[in-house]
N, C-alpha and C. Protein backbone atom coordinates (compact mmCIF):
# COMPACT_ATOMS: atom_id res chain seq x y z
N MET A 1 12.05 -7.90 -14.70
CA MET A 1 12.13 -8.85 -13.61
C MET A 1 12.05 -8.10 -12.27
N LYS A 2 11.32 -8.67 -11.35
CA LYS A 2 11.11 -8.06 -10.04
C LYS A 2 12.37 -8.20 -9.19
N GLN A 3 12.76 -7.09 -8.59
CA GLN A 3 13.90 -7.10 -7.68
C GLN A 3 13.44 -7.62 -6.32
N ILE A 4 14.30 -8.34 -5.66
CA ILE A 4 14.00 -8.87 -4.34
C ILE A 4 14.56 -7.91 -3.29
N TYR A 5 13.71 -7.53 -2.34
CA TYR A 5 14.12 -6.65 -1.25
C TYR A 5 14.00 -7.42 0.05
N PRO A 6 15.00 -7.30 0.93
CA PRO A 6 14.91 -8.01 2.21
C PRO A 6 13.86 -7.34 3.10
N PRO A 7 13.30 -8.10 4.04
CA PRO A 7 12.35 -7.50 4.99
C PRO A 7 13.03 -6.39 5.77
N PHE A 8 12.24 -5.40 6.20
CA PHE A 8 12.80 -4.33 7.01
C PHE A 8 11.78 -3.94 8.08
N THR A 9 12.30 -3.38 9.17
CA THR A 9 11.45 -3.01 10.28
C THR A 9 11.39 -1.50 10.43
N SER A 10 10.30 -1.06 11.03
CA SER A 10 10.09 0.35 11.34
C SER A 10 9.14 0.39 12.52
N GLY A 11 9.63 0.84 13.66
CA GLY A 11 8.79 0.85 14.86
C GLY A 11 8.37 -0.55 15.23
N SER A 12 7.07 -0.76 15.33
CA SER A 12 6.56 -2.06 15.78
C SER A 12 6.11 -2.95 14.63
N ILE A 13 6.46 -2.56 13.40
CA ILE A 13 6.05 -3.37 12.25
C ILE A 13 7.24 -3.81 11.41
N ARG A 14 6.99 -4.82 10.62
CA ARG A 14 7.98 -5.36 9.68
C ARG A 14 7.31 -5.44 8.32
N LEU A 15 7.99 -5.00 7.28
CA LEU A 15 7.49 -5.12 5.92
C LEU A 15 8.34 -6.15 5.19
N ARG A 16 7.65 -7.07 4.52
CA ARG A 16 8.32 -8.07 3.70
C ARG A 16 7.53 -8.22 2.41
N LEU A 17 8.19 -8.69 1.38
CA LEU A 17 7.52 -8.86 0.09
C LEU A 17 6.37 -9.85 0.19
N LEU A 18 5.30 -9.55 -0.55
CA LEU A 18 4.15 -10.44 -0.64
C LEU A 18 4.58 -11.77 -1.23
N GLU A 19 4.09 -12.86 -0.65
CA GLU A 19 4.39 -14.20 -1.14
C GLU A 19 3.09 -14.90 -1.54
N GLU A 20 3.22 -15.92 -2.35
CA GLU A 20 2.05 -16.67 -2.78
C GLU A 20 1.25 -17.20 -1.59
N SER A 21 1.93 -17.57 -0.53
CA SER A 21 1.25 -18.11 0.65
C SER A 21 0.38 -17.06 1.35
N ASP A 22 0.58 -15.78 1.06
CA ASP A 22 -0.22 -14.71 1.64
C ASP A 22 -1.54 -14.49 0.91
N LEU A 23 -1.67 -15.05 -0.28
CA LEU A 23 -2.83 -14.74 -1.13
C LEU A 23 -4.18 -15.08 -0.51
N PRO A 24 -4.36 -16.22 0.17
CA PRO A 24 -5.68 -16.47 0.76
C PRO A 24 -6.11 -15.37 1.73
N VAL A 25 -5.20 -14.92 2.58
CA VAL A 25 -5.57 -13.90 3.56
C VAL A 25 -5.75 -12.54 2.90
N THR A 26 -4.93 -12.18 1.92
CA THR A 26 -5.10 -10.88 1.27
C THR A 26 -6.40 -10.84 0.47
N LEU A 27 -6.78 -11.96 -0.12
CA LEU A 27 -8.05 -12.02 -0.83
C LEU A 27 -9.22 -11.83 0.15
N GLU A 28 -9.12 -12.47 1.29
CA GLU A 28 -10.17 -12.33 2.32
C GLU A 28 -10.28 -10.87 2.78
N TRP A 29 -9.14 -10.23 3.06
CA TRP A 29 -9.16 -8.83 3.50
C TRP A 29 -9.76 -7.93 2.43
N ARG A 30 -9.32 -8.12 1.20
CA ARG A 30 -9.74 -7.26 0.09
C ARG A 30 -11.22 -7.42 -0.23
N ASN A 31 -11.76 -8.61 -0.06
CA ASN A 31 -13.16 -8.88 -0.38
C ASN A 31 -14.13 -8.49 0.74
N ARG A 32 -13.63 -8.11 1.90
CA ARG A 32 -14.49 -7.75 3.02
C ARG A 32 -15.38 -6.56 2.67
N ASP A 33 -16.65 -6.64 3.11
CA ASP A 33 -17.50 -5.46 3.01
C ASP A 33 -16.87 -4.36 3.84
N GLY A 34 -16.85 -3.16 3.30
CA GLY A 34 -16.22 -2.04 3.98
C GLY A 34 -14.79 -1.82 3.52
N ALA A 35 -14.18 -2.83 2.93
CA ALA A 35 -12.83 -2.68 2.38
C ALA A 35 -12.88 -2.62 0.87
N ARG A 36 -13.56 -3.58 0.26
CA ARG A 36 -13.55 -3.67 -1.21
C ARG A 36 -14.19 -2.46 -1.87
N GLN A 37 -15.09 -1.78 -1.16
CA GLN A 37 -15.75 -0.60 -1.73
C GLN A 37 -14.77 0.56 -1.92
N HIS A 38 -13.60 0.48 -1.33
CA HIS A 38 -12.59 1.54 -1.46
C HIS A 38 -11.60 1.27 -2.58
N PHE A 39 -11.83 0.19 -3.33
CA PHE A 39 -11.02 -0.12 -4.50
C PHE A 39 -11.79 0.28 -5.75
N LYS A 40 -11.07 0.63 -6.81
CA LYS A 40 -11.72 1.01 -8.06
C LYS A 40 -12.60 -0.11 -8.59
N THR A 41 -12.15 -1.35 -8.42
CA THR A 41 -12.96 -2.51 -8.75
C THR A 41 -13.49 -3.06 -7.44
N SER A 42 -14.75 -2.77 -7.13
CA SER A 42 -15.29 -3.13 -5.83
C SER A 42 -15.99 -4.49 -5.83
N ASP A 43 -15.96 -5.18 -6.97
CA ASP A 43 -16.56 -6.51 -7.04
C ASP A 43 -15.81 -7.48 -6.12
N VAL A 44 -16.52 -8.48 -5.65
CA VAL A 44 -15.87 -9.56 -4.91
C VAL A 44 -15.02 -10.34 -5.91
N LEU A 45 -13.74 -10.50 -5.60
CA LEU A 45 -12.83 -11.22 -6.50
C LEU A 45 -12.86 -12.72 -6.19
N THR A 46 -12.69 -13.51 -7.23
CA THR A 46 -12.58 -14.95 -7.06
C THR A 46 -11.11 -15.31 -6.80
N TRP A 47 -10.90 -16.53 -6.32
CA TRP A 47 -9.53 -17.01 -6.14
C TRP A 47 -8.76 -16.95 -7.46
N ALA A 48 -9.40 -17.37 -8.56
CA ALA A 48 -8.73 -17.38 -9.87
C ALA A 48 -8.31 -15.97 -10.27
N GLN A 49 -9.16 -14.99 -10.07
CA GLN A 49 -8.81 -13.60 -10.41
C GLN A 49 -7.63 -13.11 -9.57
N HIS A 50 -7.67 -13.40 -8.30
CA HIS A 50 -6.61 -12.95 -7.39
C HIS A 50 -5.28 -13.63 -7.76
N TYR A 51 -5.34 -14.91 -8.03
CA TYR A 51 -4.13 -15.66 -8.39
C TYR A 51 -3.57 -15.18 -9.73
N GLN A 52 -4.43 -14.88 -10.68
CA GLN A 52 -3.98 -14.34 -11.97
C GLN A 52 -3.34 -12.97 -11.78
N TRP A 53 -3.94 -12.14 -10.91
CA TRP A 53 -3.33 -10.84 -10.60
C TRP A 53 -1.91 -11.04 -10.06
N PHE A 54 -1.74 -12.00 -9.15
CA PHE A 54 -0.43 -12.26 -8.56
C PHE A 54 0.58 -12.65 -9.63
N GLY A 55 0.17 -13.45 -10.59
CA GLY A 55 1.07 -13.83 -11.69
C GLY A 55 1.50 -12.62 -12.50
N ARG A 56 0.57 -11.73 -12.80
CA ARG A 56 0.92 -10.49 -13.53
C ARG A 56 1.82 -9.61 -12.68
N TYR A 57 1.50 -9.52 -11.39
CA TYR A 57 2.30 -8.71 -10.46
C TYR A 57 3.76 -9.18 -10.43
N GLN A 58 3.97 -10.49 -10.39
CA GLN A 58 5.33 -11.02 -10.31
C GLN A 58 6.18 -10.63 -11.52
N ALA A 59 5.55 -10.37 -12.64
CA ALA A 59 6.29 -10.01 -13.85
C ALA A 59 6.60 -8.53 -13.94
N LYS A 60 6.06 -7.71 -13.05
CA LYS A 60 6.25 -6.25 -13.12
C LYS A 60 7.40 -5.80 -12.23
N ALA A 61 8.36 -5.14 -12.84
CA ALA A 61 9.49 -4.62 -12.07
C ALA A 61 9.13 -3.35 -11.31
N ASP A 62 8.10 -2.64 -11.76
CA ASP A 62 7.75 -1.35 -11.16
C ASP A 62 6.58 -1.45 -10.18
N ASP A 63 6.40 -2.60 -9.57
CA ASP A 63 5.26 -2.86 -8.70
C ASP A 63 5.74 -3.71 -7.53
N ILE A 64 5.66 -3.17 -6.31
CA ILE A 64 6.15 -3.87 -5.13
C ILE A 64 5.04 -3.88 -4.07
N VAL A 65 4.63 -5.06 -3.65
CA VAL A 65 3.62 -5.20 -2.61
C VAL A 65 4.30 -5.79 -1.37
N PHE A 66 4.04 -5.18 -0.24
CA PHE A 66 4.59 -5.64 1.03
C PHE A 66 3.50 -6.15 1.94
N MET A 67 3.79 -7.23 2.63
CA MET A 67 2.96 -7.71 3.72
C MET A 67 3.45 -6.98 4.97
N VAL A 68 2.53 -6.44 5.73
CA VAL A 68 2.85 -5.75 6.98
C VAL A 68 2.64 -6.75 8.10
N GLU A 69 3.65 -6.90 8.94
CA GLU A 69 3.56 -7.84 10.05
C GLU A 69 3.86 -7.13 11.37
N ASP A 70 3.25 -7.61 12.44
CA ASP A 70 3.58 -7.16 13.78
C ASP A 70 4.98 -7.69 14.09
N LEU A 71 5.86 -6.83 14.48
CA LEU A 71 7.26 -7.22 14.70
C LEU A 71 7.40 -8.27 15.80
N ALA A 72 6.64 -8.14 16.87
CA ALA A 72 6.78 -9.07 18.00
C ALA A 72 6.16 -10.43 17.72
N THR A 73 4.99 -10.45 17.08
CA THR A 73 4.26 -11.71 16.93
C THR A 73 4.33 -12.31 15.53
N ARG A 74 4.76 -11.51 14.55
CA ARG A 74 4.79 -11.88 13.13
C ARG A 74 3.38 -12.10 12.56
N LYS A 75 2.34 -11.65 13.29
CA LYS A 75 0.99 -11.73 12.75
C LYS A 75 0.84 -10.74 11.61
N ARG A 76 0.09 -11.12 10.60
CA ARG A 76 -0.15 -10.25 9.45
C ARG A 76 -1.10 -9.13 9.85
N VAL A 77 -0.63 -7.91 9.63
CA VAL A 77 -1.38 -6.70 9.99
C VAL A 77 -2.11 -6.15 8.78
N GLY A 78 -1.50 -6.24 7.60
CA GLY A 78 -2.10 -5.67 6.41
C GLY A 78 -1.15 -5.74 5.23
N GLN A 79 -1.46 -4.92 4.25
CA GLN A 79 -0.69 -4.89 3.00
C GLN A 79 -0.56 -3.44 2.55
N VAL A 80 0.61 -3.09 2.01
CA VAL A 80 0.86 -1.79 1.39
C VAL A 80 1.63 -2.02 0.10
N ALA A 81 1.53 -1.08 -0.82
CA ALA A 81 2.21 -1.27 -2.11
C ALA A 81 2.71 0.05 -2.67
N ILE A 82 3.72 -0.06 -3.51
CA ILE A 82 4.23 1.07 -4.29
C ILE A 82 4.36 0.57 -5.72
N TYR A 83 3.83 1.33 -6.66
CA TYR A 83 3.77 0.85 -8.04
C TYR A 83 3.82 2.04 -9.00
N SER A 84 3.85 1.72 -10.27
CA SER A 84 4.07 2.76 -11.30
C SER A 84 5.32 3.56 -10.94
N ILE A 85 6.34 2.84 -10.50
CA ILE A 85 7.59 3.47 -10.08
C ILE A 85 8.30 4.01 -11.31
N ASP A 86 8.56 5.31 -11.29
CA ASP A 86 9.19 5.99 -12.42
C ASP A 86 10.48 6.66 -11.95
N PRO A 87 11.62 5.96 -12.07
CA PRO A 87 12.89 6.54 -11.62
C PRO A 87 13.23 7.85 -12.33
N ALA A 88 12.84 8.00 -13.58
CA ALA A 88 13.16 9.22 -14.33
C ALA A 88 12.50 10.45 -13.70
N SER A 89 11.26 10.32 -13.28
CA SER A 89 10.57 11.46 -12.67
C SER A 89 10.73 11.49 -11.16
N GLY A 90 11.21 10.39 -10.57
CA GLY A 90 11.36 10.32 -9.12
C GLY A 90 10.04 10.16 -8.40
N ARG A 91 9.02 9.62 -9.08
CA ARG A 91 7.68 9.49 -8.51
C ARG A 91 7.18 8.05 -8.59
N ALA A 92 6.22 7.76 -7.74
CA ALA A 92 5.52 6.47 -7.78
C ALA A 92 4.18 6.64 -7.09
N GLU A 93 3.29 5.71 -7.39
CA GLU A 93 2.00 5.69 -6.72
C GLU A 93 2.07 4.71 -5.55
N VAL A 94 1.41 5.05 -4.46
CA VAL A 94 1.28 4.15 -3.32
C VAL A 94 -0.19 3.83 -3.14
N GLY A 95 -0.45 2.67 -2.56
CA GLY A 95 -1.83 2.28 -2.34
C GLY A 95 -1.97 0.81 -2.07
N ARG A 96 -3.15 0.27 -2.46
CA ARG A 96 -3.50 -1.11 -2.17
C ARG A 96 -3.38 -1.38 -0.67
N PHE A 97 -3.71 -0.33 0.11
CA PHE A 97 -3.64 -0.44 1.56
C PHE A 97 -4.85 -1.23 2.05
N VAL A 98 -4.57 -2.33 2.72
CA VAL A 98 -5.62 -3.15 3.31
C VAL A 98 -5.16 -3.57 4.69
N VAL A 99 -6.04 -3.44 5.67
CA VAL A 99 -5.70 -3.81 7.04
C VAL A 99 -6.48 -5.06 7.44
N ALA A 100 -5.84 -5.90 8.23
CA ALA A 100 -6.53 -7.05 8.82
C ALA A 100 -7.56 -6.50 9.80
N PRO A 101 -8.78 -7.04 9.81
CA PRO A 101 -9.83 -6.48 10.66
C PRO A 101 -9.45 -6.37 12.13
N GLU A 102 -8.69 -7.33 12.64
CA GLU A 102 -8.32 -7.30 14.06
C GLU A 102 -7.30 -6.22 14.40
N PHE A 103 -6.70 -5.60 13.38
CA PHE A 103 -5.72 -4.52 13.62
C PHE A 103 -6.25 -3.15 13.22
N ALA A 104 -7.48 -3.09 12.74
CA ALA A 104 -8.05 -1.81 12.31
C ALA A 104 -8.10 -0.82 13.47
N GLY A 105 -7.74 0.43 13.17
CA GLY A 105 -7.83 1.49 14.16
C GLY A 105 -6.71 1.53 15.18
N GLN A 106 -5.66 0.75 14.98
CA GLN A 106 -4.57 0.70 15.95
C GLN A 106 -3.34 1.50 15.53
N GLY A 107 -3.39 2.14 14.37
CA GLY A 107 -2.26 2.95 13.92
C GLY A 107 -1.16 2.18 13.22
N ARG A 108 -1.34 0.88 13.05
CA ARG A 108 -0.30 0.07 12.42
C ARG A 108 -0.16 0.38 10.93
N MET A 109 -1.27 0.64 10.25
CA MET A 109 -1.18 0.95 8.82
C MET A 109 -0.56 2.32 8.62
N ARG A 110 -0.81 3.24 9.51
CA ARG A 110 -0.13 4.55 9.46
C ARG A 110 1.38 4.32 9.53
N GLU A 111 1.80 3.49 10.47
CA GLU A 111 3.21 3.14 10.62
C GLU A 111 3.75 2.50 9.35
N ALA A 112 2.95 1.63 8.74
CA ALA A 112 3.36 0.93 7.52
C ALA A 112 3.50 1.90 6.35
N ILE A 113 2.61 2.87 6.23
CA ILE A 113 2.69 3.84 5.14
C ILE A 113 3.93 4.71 5.30
N VAL A 114 4.24 5.10 6.53
CA VAL A 114 5.47 5.86 6.79
C VAL A 114 6.69 5.02 6.40
N ALA A 115 6.69 3.74 6.78
CA ALA A 115 7.81 2.85 6.41
C ALA A 115 7.91 2.73 4.90
N LEU A 116 6.77 2.65 4.22
CA LEU A 116 6.77 2.55 2.76
C LEU A 116 7.37 3.81 2.13
N MET A 117 7.07 4.97 2.69
CA MET A 117 7.65 6.22 2.16
C MET A 117 9.16 6.27 2.41
N ARG A 118 9.59 5.76 3.56
CA ARG A 118 11.04 5.68 3.82
C ARG A 118 11.71 4.77 2.80
N PHE A 119 11.07 3.66 2.51
CA PHE A 119 11.59 2.73 1.50
C PHE A 119 11.69 3.45 0.15
N ALA A 120 10.65 4.18 -0.21
CA ALA A 120 10.63 4.90 -1.49
C ALA A 120 11.79 5.89 -1.58
N ALA A 121 12.05 6.59 -0.50
CA ALA A 121 13.14 7.58 -0.48
C ALA A 121 14.50 6.90 -0.44
N ASN A 122 14.68 5.95 0.46
CA ASN A 122 16.00 5.37 0.71
C ASN A 122 16.41 4.29 -0.27
N GLN A 123 15.48 3.42 -0.65
CA GLN A 123 15.81 2.31 -1.54
C GLN A 123 15.59 2.61 -3.02
N LEU A 124 14.58 3.44 -3.30
CA LEU A 124 14.23 3.72 -4.70
C LEU A 124 14.66 5.12 -5.14
N SER A 125 15.15 5.92 -4.20
CA SER A 125 15.60 7.30 -4.47
C SER A 125 14.50 8.15 -5.11
N LEU A 126 13.28 7.97 -4.65
CA LEU A 126 12.16 8.75 -5.16
C LEU A 126 12.04 10.05 -4.37
N SER A 127 11.48 11.07 -5.01
CA SER A 127 11.31 12.35 -4.34
C SER A 127 9.85 12.64 -3.98
N SER A 128 8.91 11.91 -4.57
CA SER A 128 7.50 12.11 -4.20
C SER A 128 6.70 10.85 -4.48
N VAL A 129 5.60 10.73 -3.75
CA VAL A 129 4.64 9.65 -3.96
C VAL A 129 3.26 10.27 -4.03
N TYR A 130 2.38 9.60 -4.74
CA TYR A 130 1.00 10.07 -4.85
C TYR A 130 0.06 8.89 -4.68
N LEU A 131 -1.19 9.19 -4.46
CA LEU A 131 -2.21 8.15 -4.31
C LEU A 131 -3.53 8.69 -4.81
N GLU A 132 -4.45 7.76 -5.01
CA GLU A 132 -5.82 8.10 -5.38
C GLU A 132 -6.73 7.55 -4.29
N VAL A 133 -7.69 8.35 -3.88
CA VAL A 133 -8.63 7.94 -2.85
C VAL A 133 -10.01 8.47 -3.23
N PHE A 134 -11.04 7.69 -2.95
CA PHE A 134 -12.39 8.15 -3.25
C PHE A 134 -12.73 9.36 -2.38
N GLU A 135 -13.42 10.34 -2.98
CA GLU A 135 -13.84 11.53 -2.24
C GLU A 135 -14.62 11.16 -0.99
N THR A 136 -15.39 10.10 -1.07
CA THR A 136 -16.25 9.69 0.04
C THR A 136 -15.50 8.98 1.17
N ASN A 137 -14.24 8.63 0.97
CA ASN A 137 -13.45 7.93 1.98
C ASN A 137 -12.79 8.97 2.89
N LEU A 138 -13.60 9.60 3.71
CA LEU A 138 -13.13 10.71 4.54
C LEU A 138 -12.09 10.28 5.56
N ARG A 139 -12.24 9.10 6.13
CA ARG A 139 -11.27 8.60 7.12
C ARG A 139 -9.88 8.47 6.51
N ALA A 140 -9.80 7.88 5.31
CA ALA A 140 -8.51 7.71 4.64
C ALA A 140 -7.92 9.07 4.25
N ARG A 141 -8.75 9.95 3.73
CA ARG A 141 -8.26 11.28 3.33
C ARG A 141 -7.68 12.02 4.54
N ARG A 142 -8.34 11.90 5.68
CA ARG A 142 -7.85 12.54 6.90
C ARG A 142 -6.49 11.95 7.29
N LEU A 143 -6.37 10.62 7.24
CA LEU A 143 -5.10 9.97 7.56
C LEU A 143 -4.00 10.46 6.62
N TYR A 144 -4.27 10.47 5.32
CA TYR A 144 -3.26 10.87 4.34
C TYR A 144 -2.83 12.33 4.57
N ARG A 145 -3.78 13.19 4.91
CA ARG A 145 -3.41 14.59 5.20
C ARG A 145 -2.48 14.66 6.40
N THR A 146 -2.73 13.86 7.45
CA THR A 146 -1.86 13.88 8.63
C THR A 146 -0.47 13.34 8.29
N LEU A 147 -0.37 12.56 7.22
CA LEU A 147 0.93 12.03 6.77
C LEU A 147 1.62 12.97 5.79
N GLY A 148 1.03 14.13 5.54
CA GLY A 148 1.67 15.13 4.68
C GLY A 148 1.23 15.12 3.24
N PHE A 149 0.27 14.29 2.89
CA PHE A 149 -0.25 14.29 1.52
C PHE A 149 -1.13 15.52 1.32
N VAL A 150 -1.03 16.10 0.14
CA VAL A 150 -1.81 17.29 -0.20
C VAL A 150 -2.71 16.95 -1.38
N GLU A 151 -3.97 17.34 -1.26
CA GLU A 151 -4.91 17.09 -2.34
C GLU A 151 -4.56 17.97 -3.53
N GLN A 152 -4.40 17.33 -4.69
CA GLN A 152 -4.00 18.03 -5.91
C GLN A 152 -5.20 18.34 -6.80
N THR A 153 -6.03 17.32 -7.01
CA THR A 153 -7.17 17.46 -7.90
C THR A 153 -8.18 16.37 -7.60
N ALA A 154 -9.39 16.56 -8.10
CA ALA A 154 -10.43 15.53 -7.98
C ALA A 154 -11.02 15.30 -9.36
N ILE A 155 -11.09 14.03 -9.74
CA ILE A 155 -11.63 13.66 -11.05
C ILE A 155 -12.57 12.47 -10.87
N ASP A 156 -13.81 12.64 -11.29
CA ASP A 156 -14.79 11.55 -11.27
C ASP A 156 -14.85 10.82 -9.92
N GLY A 157 -14.88 11.58 -8.84
CA GLY A 157 -15.01 10.98 -7.52
C GLY A 157 -13.72 10.52 -6.88
N LEU A 158 -12.59 10.65 -7.60
CA LEU A 158 -11.29 10.28 -7.05
C LEU A 158 -10.48 11.53 -6.74
N VAL A 159 -9.87 11.55 -5.58
CA VAL A 159 -8.99 12.65 -5.19
C VAL A 159 -7.55 12.17 -5.35
N ILE A 160 -6.75 12.96 -6.06
CA ILE A 160 -5.32 12.67 -6.21
C ILE A 160 -4.60 13.46 -5.12
N MET A 161 -3.79 12.76 -4.33
CA MET A 161 -3.03 13.40 -3.26
C MET A 161 -1.55 13.07 -3.48
N GLU A 162 -0.68 14.03 -3.16
CA GLU A 162 0.75 13.82 -3.37
C GLU A 162 1.52 14.32 -2.17
N ARG A 163 2.70 13.72 -1.98
CA ARG A 163 3.59 14.12 -0.88
C ARG A 163 5.01 14.05 -1.36
N ASN A 164 5.77 15.11 -1.11
CA ASN A 164 7.22 15.06 -1.31
C ASN A 164 7.80 14.25 -0.17
N ILE A 165 8.82 13.45 -0.48
CA ILE A 165 9.43 12.62 0.55
C ILE A 165 10.91 12.92 0.64
N ASP A 166 11.45 12.66 1.81
CA ASP A 166 12.88 12.81 2.03
C ASP A 166 13.29 11.85 3.13
N ASP A 167 14.50 11.91 3.56
CA ASP A 167 15.00 10.99 4.58
C ASP A 167 14.46 11.29 5.97
N HIS A 168 13.76 12.41 6.14
CA HIS A 168 13.29 12.81 7.46
C HIS A 168 11.82 12.47 7.70
N ILE A 169 11.38 11.38 7.14
CA ILE A 169 9.99 10.99 7.27
C ILE A 169 9.77 10.39 8.64
């Protein structure tokens, strides 16, 4: 069963759990040309596929998706997630990062990823997070490096990056 976490703020953003009412906008963001190509499944998703994914997501205890909102206006900025949460190893994967087009390039998703790592350390007691990014996604790889992620390996066009986390993020 999925645990409920209250919304929390960090800088100029607020993270809250993804709700069913967010699905139309997250589907639109994810299906955008230039965004969907950075997902392992780059096909345009249908409403039925997205809604079925949400049903499966709700049943997973080790999968948490947050809606990123502008703290002042409550406008949706994007989405971040932490999943494959393994308390025994103290690790989890982060990703499913999608930004609303009107907020692209403003540093809000950087802020959201930092908040997500704080959540991982403080709420989940994790010691590291990792992600997968396409080798060709140079902009994202550069961002992740500035956030302290280190490239570990590359397999079939995907780069695995990891970062140790602590309370001083």
